[in-house]
Amino acid sequence: MTGPLSTGGETGRRSPTAVTAPTGSPSSTTAVLLVEGDTQVLRDGAARRAVKYLPPGYTVLKETSHVPLALFVLLHGAEGPLADPTRQALETLGAEVRRARSSLGAEPFPKDTLARQEQLLDASIALIENVTKRGAVAACYPMSEASEALDAARRGGQFGKVTVRHEG
């Protein structure tokens, strides 16, 4: 991955040259199909063919959509005063999201897609800033209410106009 939010994960990926045939199989007759980021690689003996198979911008869309997931992982179960490791992780993520947000306009997205991605990153940055400024993580709404809000947002196409209310 080459997008601004693609840090990590690279160290765990093995290069195609590190792939060996199963024991007892001659490597010259074994074909191997690898996925390396946005590229599929077919190794057939010594021959190697690499093909980009994802549309332009896919990786950036995927990375952007994972920002809320990263926030969920950092903040889930962390209600109360903000612990230093969580604060540091939020600040690091915030810096990466700001960097990604500033380069988003260079991607080959239609205007509505770009606006949606910018809105997602802006909301993520605002959440990070609010939590770090407060120094505490507020209790979350039950997942059923959050799911209803997300469903409403998907139907209306507008995250900014959805209000989640907690009653009782």
C-alpha atoms as a PDB file:
ATOM      1  CA  MET A   1       0.000   0.000   0.000  1.00  0.00           C
ATOM      2  CA  THR A   2       1.221   3.427  -0.750  1.00  0.00           C
ATOM      3  CA  GLY A   3      -1.408   5.781   0.708  1.00  0.00           C
ATOM      4  CA  PRO A   4      -0.700   8.170   3.572  1.00  0.00           C
ATOM      5  CA  LEU A   5      -2.494   5.910   6.058  1.00  0.00           C
ATOM      6  CA  SER A   6      -0.674   2.749   5.013  1.00  0.00           C
ATOM      7  CA  THR A   7       1.876   2.646   7.831  1.00  0.00           C
ATOM      8  CA  GLY A   8       2.534  -0.750   9.294  1.00  0.00           C
ATOM      9  CA  GLY A   9       1.781  -4.147   7.875  1.00  0.00           C
ATOM     10  CA  GLU A  10       4.726  -4.044   5.496  1.00  0.00           C
ATOM     11  CA  THR A  11       7.093  -5.856   7.836  1.00  0.00           C
ATOM     12  CA  GLY A  12       4.849  -8.903   7.973  1.00  0.00           C
ATOM     13  CA  ARG A  13       4.633  -9.275   4.211  1.00  0.00           C
ATOM     14  CA  ARG A  14       6.978 -11.795   2.637  1.00  0.00           C
ATOM     15  CA  SER A  15       8.594 -11.080  -0.705  1.00  0.00           C
ATOM     16  CA  PRO A  16       7.818 -13.404  -3.634  1.00  0.00           C
ATOM     17  CA  THR A  17      11.413 -14.600  -3.593  1.00  0.00           C
ATOM     18  CA  ALA A  18      10.849 -15.961  -0.080  1.00  0.00           C
ATOM     19  CA  VAL A  19       8.048 -18.271  -1.239  1.00  0.00           C
ATOM     20  CA  THR A  20       9.104 -21.878  -1.553  1.00  0.00           C
ATOM     21  CA  ALA A  21       7.283 -24.880  -2.906  1.00  0.00           C
ATOM     22  CA  PRO A  22       5.800 -27.390  -0.467  1.00  0.00           C
ATOM     23  CA  THR A  23       8.209 -30.092   0.652  1.00  0.00           C
ATOM     24  CA  GLY A  24       8.506 -32.816  -1.945  1.00  0.00           C
ATOM     25  CA  SER A  25       7.234 -30.662  -4.821  1.00  0.00           C
ATOM     26  CA  PRO A  26       9.705 -29.432  -7.400  1.00  0.00           C
ATOM     27  CA  SER A  27       9.660 -25.611  -7.320  1.00  0.00           C
ATOM     28  CA  SER A  28      10.141 -25.383 -11.085  1.00  0.00           C
ATOM     29  CA  THR A  29       6.658 -26.831 -11.677  1.00  0.00           C
ATOM     30  CA  THR A  30       4.794 -25.082  -8.871  1.00  0.00           C
ATOM     31  CA  ALA A  31       2.730 -21.985  -9.646  1.00  0.00           C
ATOM     32  CA  VAL A  32       2.085 -19.577  -6.806  1.00  0.00           C
ATOM     33  CA  LEU A  33      -0.377 -16.670  -6.750  1.00  0.00           C
ATOM     34  CA  LEU A  34       0.458 -13.868  -4.305  1.00  0.00           C
ATOM     35  CA  VAL A  35      -1.348 -10.671  -3.383  1.00  0.00           C
ATOM     36  CA  GLU A  36       1.041  -7.816  -2.580  1.00  0.00           C
ATOM     37  CA  GLY A  37      -0.990  -4.742  -1.691  1.00  0.00           C
ATOM     38  CA  ASP A  38      -2.743  -3.709  -4.915  1.00  0.00           C
ATOM     39  CA  THR A  39      -0.839  -6.187  -7.075  1.00  0.00           C
ATOM     40  CA  GLN A  40      -1.385  -9.854  -7.924  1.00  0.00           C
ATOM     41  CA  VAL A  41       1.790 -11.755  -8.676  1.00  0.00           C
ATOM     42  CA  LEU A  42       1.850 -15.079 -10.516  1.00  0.00           C
ATOM     43  CA  ARG A  43       5.058 -17.022  -9.969  1.00  0.00           C
ATOM     44  CA  ASP A  44       5.463 -19.999 -12.230  1.00  0.00           C
ATOM     45  CA  GLY A  45       8.881 -21.447 -11.627  1.00  0.00           C
ATOM     46  CA  ALA A  46      11.374 -18.683 -12.423  1.00  0.00           C
ATOM     47  CA  ALA A  47       8.795 -16.624 -14.345  1.00  0.00           C
ATOM     48  CA  ARG A  48       7.088 -13.793 -12.496  1.00  0.00           C
ATOM     49  CA  ARG A  49       4.182 -11.660 -13.729  1.00  0.00           C
ATOM     50  CA  ALA A  50       2.717  -8.793 -11.693  1.00  0.00           C
ATOM     51  CA  VAL A  51      -0.601  -7.092 -12.460  1.00  0.00           C
ATOM     52  CA  LYS A  52      -2.344  -4.186 -10.694  1.00  0.00           C
ATOM     53  CA  TYR A  53      -5.898  -5.390 -10.180  1.00  0.00           C
ATOM     54  CA  LEU A  54      -7.522  -2.705  -8.043  1.00  0.00           C
ATOM     55  CA  PRO A  55      -9.062   0.457  -9.500  1.00  0.00           C
ATOM     56  CA  PRO A  56      -7.280   3.778  -8.942  1.00  0.00           C
ATOM     57  CA  GLY A  57      -8.019   5.208  -5.531  1.00  0.00           C
ATOM     58  CA  TYR A  58      -9.274   1.942  -4.019  1.00  0.00           C
ATOM     59  CA  THR A  59      -6.476   1.693  -1.474  1.00  0.00           C
ATOM     60  CA  VAL A  60      -6.988   5.275  -0.295  1.00  0.00           C
ATOM     61  CA  LEU A  61     -10.740   4.664   0.063  1.00  0.00           C
ATOM     62  CA  LYS A  62     -10.027   1.512   2.055  1.00  0.00           C
ATOM     63  CA  GLU A  63      -7.468   3.249   4.287  1.00  0.00           C
ATOM     64  CA  THR A  64      -9.857   6.154   4.897  1.00  0.00           C
ATOM     65  CA  SER A  65     -12.675   3.796   5.832  1.00  0.00           C
ATOM     66  CA  HIS A  66     -10.422   2.116   8.390  1.00  0.00           C
ATOM     67  CA  VAL A  67      -9.857   5.338  10.368  1.00  0.00           C
ATOM     68  CA  PRO A  68     -13.140   4.990  12.335  1.00  0.00           C
ATOM     69  CA  LEU A  69     -12.247   1.363  13.001  1.00  0.00           C
ATOM     70  CA  ALA A  70      -8.881   2.445  14.411  1.00  0.00           C
ATOM     71  CA  LEU A  71     -10.664   4.977  16.631  1.00  0.00           C
ATOM     72  CA  PHE A  72     -13.091   2.322  17.826  1.00  0.00           C
ATOM     73  CA  VAL A  73     -10.231  -0.013  18.700  1.00  0.00           C
ATOM     74  CA  LEU A  74      -8.403   2.749  20.589  1.00  0.00           C
ATOM     75  CA  LEU A  75     -11.434   4.024  22.496  1.00  0.00           C
ATOM     76  CA  HIS A  76     -13.599   0.948  23.068  1.00  0.00           C
ATOM     77  CA  GLY A  77     -13.661   0.124  26.749  1.00  0.00           C
ATOM     78  CA  ALA A  78     -11.522   3.167  27.611  1.00  0.00           C
ATOM     79  CA  GLU A  79     -14.290   5.214  29.250  1.00  0.00           C
ATOM     80  CA  GLY A  80     -12.995   7.620  31.870  1.00  0.00           C
ATOM     81  CA  PRO A  81      -9.709   9.493  32.167  1.00  0.00           C
ATOM     82  CA  LEU A  82      -7.495   9.211  29.101  1.00  0.00           C
ATOM     83  CA  ALA A  83      -4.465   6.983  29.743  1.00  0.00           C
ATOM     84  CA  ASP A  84      -1.097   8.204  28.393  1.00  0.00           C
ATOM     85  CA  PRO A  85      -0.634   5.308  25.923  1.00  0.00           C
ATOM     86  CA  THR A  86      -4.120   5.964  24.498  1.00  0.00           C
ATOM     87  CA  ARG A  87      -3.418   9.704  24.268  1.00  0.00           C
ATOM     88  CA  GLN A  88      -0.145   9.044  22.441  1.00  0.00           C
ATOM     89  CA  ALA A  89      -1.832   6.615  20.039  1.00  0.00           C
ATOM     90  CA  LEU A  90      -4.605   9.149  19.349  1.00  0.00           C
ATOM     91  CA  GLU A  91      -2.081  11.922  18.711  1.00  0.00           C
ATOM     92  CA  THR A  92      -0.114   9.699  16.311  1.00  0.00           C
ATOM     93  CA  LEU A  93      -3.286   8.665  14.482  1.00  0.00           C
ATOM     94  CA  GLY A  94      -4.399  12.309  14.372  1.00  0.00           C
ATOM     95  CA  ALA A  95      -1.135  13.351  12.705  1.00  0.00           C
ATOM     96  CA  GLU A  96      -1.488  10.571  10.113  1.00  0.00           C
ATOM     97  CA  VAL A  97      -5.134  11.470   9.430  1.00  0.00           C
ATOM     98  CA  ARG A  98      -4.281  15.179   8.998  1.00  0.00           C
ATOM     99  CA  ARG A  99      -1.505  14.269   6.546  1.00  0.00           C
ATOM    100  CA  ALA A 100      -3.873  11.997   4.621  1.00  0.00           C
ATOM    101  CA  ARG A 101      -6.607  14.652   4.631  1.00  0.00           C
ATOM    102  CA  SER A 102      -4.277  17.236   3.099  1.00  0.00           C
ATOM    103  CA  SER A 103      -3.384  14.931   0.195  1.00  0.00           C
ATOM    104  CA  LEU A 104      -6.895  13.586  -0.472  1.00  0.00           C
ATOM    105  CA  GLY A 105      -7.654  16.137  -3.192  1.00  0.00           C
ATOM    106  CA  ALA A 106      -4.953  14.647  -5.412  1.00  0.00           C
ATOM    107  CA  GLU A 107      -6.868  11.352  -5.670  1.00  0.00           C
ATOM    108  CA  PRO A 108      -8.962  10.488  -8.759  1.00  0.00           C
ATOM    109  CA  PHE A 109     -12.330  10.692  -6.965  1.00  0.00           C
ATOM    110  CA  PRO A 110     -15.617  12.162  -8.165  1.00  0.00           C
ATOM    111  CA  LYS A 111     -16.614  15.269  -6.168  1.00  0.00           C
ATOM    112  CA  ASP A 112     -19.214  13.451  -4.047  1.00  0.00           C
ATOM    113  CA  THR A 113     -16.776  10.669  -3.145  1.00  0.00           C
ATOM    114  CA  LEU A 114     -14.078  13.189  -2.270  1.00  0.00           C
ATOM    115  CA  ALA A 115     -16.518  15.164  -0.120  1.00  0.00           C
ATOM    116  CA  ARG A 116     -17.564  11.974   1.736  1.00  0.00           C
ATOM    117  CA  GLN A 117     -13.933  11.014   2.408  1.00  0.00           C
ATOM    118  CA  GLU A 118     -13.086  14.527   3.591  1.00  0.00           C
ATOM    119  CA  GLN A 119     -16.125  14.506   5.882  1.00  0.00           C
ATOM    120  CA  LEU A 120     -15.089  11.162   7.370  1.00  0.00           C
ATOM    121  CA  LEU A 121     -11.541  12.318   8.039  1.00  0.00           C
ATOM    122  CA  ASP A 122     -12.697  15.716   9.371  1.00  0.00           C
ATOM    123  CA  ALA A 123     -15.073  14.002  11.811  1.00  0.00           C
ATOM    124  CA  SER A 124     -12.284  11.650  12.891  1.00  0.00           C
ATOM    125  CA  ILE A 125      -9.899  14.554  13.484  1.00  0.00           C
ATOM    126  CA  ALA A 126     -12.588  16.398  15.470  1.00  0.00           C
ATOM    127  CA  LEU A 127     -13.197  13.331  17.648  1.00  0.00           C
ATOM    128  CA  ILE A 128      -9.473  12.909  18.301  1.00  0.00           C
ATOM    129  CA  GLU A 129      -9.113  16.590  19.199  1.00  0.00           C
ATOM    130  CA  ASN A 130     -12.162  16.549  21.478  1.00  0.00           C
ATOM    131  CA  VAL A 131     -11.069  13.441  23.362  1.00  0.00           C
ATOM    132  CA  THR A 132      -7.482  14.614  23.832  1.00  0.00           C
ATOM    133  CA  LYS A 133      -8.617  18.127  24.865  1.00  0.00           C
ATOM    134  CA  ARG A 134     -11.099  16.726  27.401  1.00  0.00           C
ATOM    135  CA  GLY A 135      -8.562  14.208  28.643  1.00  0.00           C
ATOM    136  CA  ALA A 136     -11.320  11.635  29.001  1.00  0.00           C
ATOM    137  CA  VAL A 137     -13.339   9.198  26.951  1.00  0.00           C
ATOM    138  CA  ALA A 138     -17.097   9.619  27.325  1.00  0.00           C
ATOM    139  CA  ALA A 139     -19.319   6.578  27.699  1.00  0.00           C
ATOM    140  CA  CYS A 140     -20.581   5.386  24.329  1.00  0.00           C
ATOM    141  CA  TYR A 141     -24.099   4.782  23.149  1.00  0.00           C
ATOM    142  CA  PRO A 142     -25.249   1.173  22.976  1.00  0.00           C
ATOM    143  CA  MET A 143     -24.188  -0.494  19.725  1.00  0.00           C
ATOM    144  CA  SER A 144     -27.814  -0.884  18.614  1.00  0.00           C
ATOM    145  CA  GLU A 145     -28.248   2.900  18.595  1.00  0.00           C
ATOM    146  CA  ALA A 146     -24.943   3.422  16.817  1.00  0.00           C
ATOM    147  CA  SER A 147     -26.003   0.876  14.180  1.00  0.00           C
ATOM    148  CA  GLU A 148     -29.298   2.687  13.685  1.00  0.00           C
ATOM    149  CA  ALA A 149     -27.429   5.973  13.202  1.00  0.00           C
ATOM    150  CA  LEU A 150     -25.081   4.425  10.658  1.00  0.00           C
ATOM    151  CA  ASP A 151     -27.995   2.849   8.776  1.00  0.00           C
ATOM    152  CA  ALA A 152     -29.748   6.229   8.690  1.00  0.00           C
ATOM    153  CA  ALA A 153     -26.556   7.862   7.442  1.00  0.00           C
ATOM    154  CA  ARG A 154     -26.180   5.297   4.673  1.00  0.00           C
ATOM    155  CA  ARG A 155     -29.780   5.782   3.565  1.00  0.00           C
ATOM    156  CA  GLY A 156     -29.460   9.554   3.551  1.00  0.00           C
ATOM    157  CA  GLY A 157     -25.858   9.663   2.414  1.00  0.00           C
ATOM    158  CA  GLN A 158     -25.092  12.304   5.056  1.00  0.00           C
ATOM    159  CA  PHE A 159     -23.165  11.490   8.215  1.00  0.00           C
ATOM    160  CA  GLY A 160     -23.281  15.096   9.413  1.00  0.00           C
ATOM    161  CA  LYS A 161     -27.081  15.242   9.591  1.00  0.00           C
ATOM    162  CA  VAL A 162     -27.590  12.160  11.751  1.00  0.00           C
ATOM    163  CA  THR A 163     -28.295  12.718  15.424  1.00  0.00           C
ATOM    164  CA  VAL A 164     -28.171   9.897  17.923  1.00  0.00           C
ATOM    165  CA  ARG A 165     -30.195  10.500  21.069  1.00  0.00           C
ATOM    166  CA  HIS A 166     -29.969   8.436  24.202  1.00  0.00           C
ATOM    167  CA  GLU A 167     -33.271   8.174  26.005  1.00  0.00           C
ATOM    168  CA  GLY A 168     -33.836   6.681  29.391  1.00  0.00           C
END
